[in-house]
Amino acid sequence: HFISHVCTRHFPLDYVLTHAKAAAVAARSANAAAQFASQHSIPKSYGSYDDLLRDPDIDVVYVGSIADSHSKLATKSILAGKPTVVEKPMTISLKET
């Protein structure tokens, strides 16, 4: 299984090491994504979440971004046909649910 991580703040490294292979990371900044990928030996990095979602090698997406972007990123991932795991609640308000 491959998992991509769409944030640079929280990374479930223990989970990834035992259950999946980190294939890519994305962030709003290509430099931040590349730095995170380098620090964690992740082969691909993207400065765009959309670019990561278009990658056919990504089987599962882990959304661990800041809470107010969970809904947007998880929805994009789901609509891209990727199984998606969201770190915290998918939405931060009842209105978003």
Protein backbone atom coordinates (compact mmCIF):
# COMPACT_ATOMS: atom_id res chain seq x y z
CA HIS A 1 0.00 0.00 0.00
CA PHE A 2 1.13 3.51 -0.68
CA ILE A 3 0.16 6.51 1.33
CA SER A 4 0.72 10.14 0.61
CA HIS A 5 0.71 12.79 3.21
CA VAL A 6 -0.72 16.18 2.42
CA CYS A 7 0.81 18.21 5.15
CA THR A 8 4.17 18.96 6.70
CA ARG A 9 3.07 19.41 10.33
CA HIS A 10 1.95 15.96 11.52
CA PHE A 11 3.29 12.72 10.15
CA PRO A 12 2.24 9.28 11.42
CA LEU A 13 5.69 7.83 10.83
CA ASP A 14 5.17 4.76 13.04
CA TYR A 15 2.03 3.86 11.11
CA VAL A 16 3.66 4.37 7.75
CA LEU A 17 6.71 2.31 8.67
CA THR A 18 4.59 -0.65 9.76
CA HIS A 19 1.61 -0.52 7.38
CA ALA A 20 2.41 1.45 4.26
CA LYS A 21 5.08 3.02 2.13
CA ALA A 22 5.15 6.79 1.94
CA ALA A 23 5.14 7.50 -1.79
CA ALA A 24 4.69 11.27 -1.89
CA VAL A 25 4.06 14.40 0.11
CA ALA A 26 2.35 17.63 -0.88
CA ALA A 27 2.23 21.10 0.61
CA ARG A 28 1.23 24.56 -0.49
CA SER A 29 4.94 25.24 -0.98
CA ALA A 30 7.06 23.06 -3.27
CA ASN A 31 10.11 23.88 -1.15
CA ALA A 32 8.40 22.82 2.09
CA ALA A 33 7.20 19.59 0.49
CA ALA A 34 10.66 18.83 -0.91
CA GLN A 35 12.31 19.50 2.45
CA PHE A 36 9.84 17.25 4.27
CA ALA A 37 10.26 14.52 1.66
CA SER A 38 14.04 14.70 2.00
CA GLN A 39 13.91 14.52 5.80
CA HIS A 40 11.67 11.43 5.69
CA SER A 41 13.11 9.65 2.62
CA ILE A 42 9.92 10.08 0.63
CA PRO A 43 10.59 9.73 -3.11
CA LYS A 44 8.17 12.36 -4.48
CA SER A 45 7.06 15.80 -3.40
CA TYR A 46 4.51 18.20 -4.82
CA GLY A 47 3.88 21.91 -4.33
CA SER A 48 0.24 21.29 -5.24
CA TYR A 49 -2.30 18.93 -3.75
CA ASP A 50 -3.93 18.58 -7.16
CA ASP A 51 -0.66 17.34 -8.67
CA LEU A 52 -0.36 14.72 -5.93
CA LEU A 53 -3.94 13.59 -6.53
CA ARG A 54 -3.22 13.12 -10.25
CA ASP A 55 -0.31 10.77 -9.47
CA PRO A 56 -1.42 7.25 -10.48
CA ASP A 57 1.09 5.71 -8.04
CA ILE A 58 -0.81 7.09 -5.04
CA ASP A 59 -3.24 4.50 -3.70
CA VAL A 60 -4.30 6.15 -0.41
CA VAL A 61 -4.18 9.74 0.78
CA TYR A 62 -3.67 10.73 4.40
CA VAL A 63 -4.93 14.26 5.16
CA GLY A 64 -3.14 15.71 8.15
CA SER A 65 -3.23 19.38 7.28
CA ILE A 66 -4.48 22.15 9.53
CA ALA A 67 -8.04 21.42 10.64
CA ASP A 68 -9.75 24.16 8.63
CA SER A 69 -8.50 22.66 5.35
CA HIS A 70 -9.43 19.02 6.10
CA SER A 71 -12.82 19.18 4.39
CA LYS A 72 -11.53 20.80 1.20
CA LEU A 73 -8.54 18.46 0.84
CA ALA A 74 -10.41 15.31 1.80
CA THR A 75 -13.23 16.13 -0.62
CA LYS A 76 -10.73 16.72 -3.43
CA SER A 77 -9.04 13.43 -2.65
CA ILE A 78 -12.29 11.48 -2.54
CA LEU A 79 -13.48 13.06 -5.80
CA ALA A 80 -10.13 12.09 -7.36
CA GLY A 81 -11.04 8.48 -6.53
CA LYS A 82 -8.45 8.03 -3.80
CA PRO A 83 -9.28 6.23 -0.56
CA THR A 84 -8.77 8.93 2.04
CA VAL A 85 -7.89 8.95 5.73
CA VAL A 86 -8.42 12.22 7.61
CA GLU A 87 -6.28 12.82 10.69
CA LYS A 88 -8.87 14.75 12.66
CA PRO A 89 -12.56 15.50 12.08
CA MET A 90 -13.23 16.10 8.41
CA THR A 91 -15.04 19.33 9.20
CA ILE A 92 -14.70 21.91 11.93
CA SER A 93 -18.33 22.99 12.06
CA LEU A 94 -21.78 21.49 11.73
CA LYS A 95 -22.39 23.74 8.72
CA GLU A 96 -19.52 22.08 6.81
CA THR A 97 -20.80 18.59 7.53
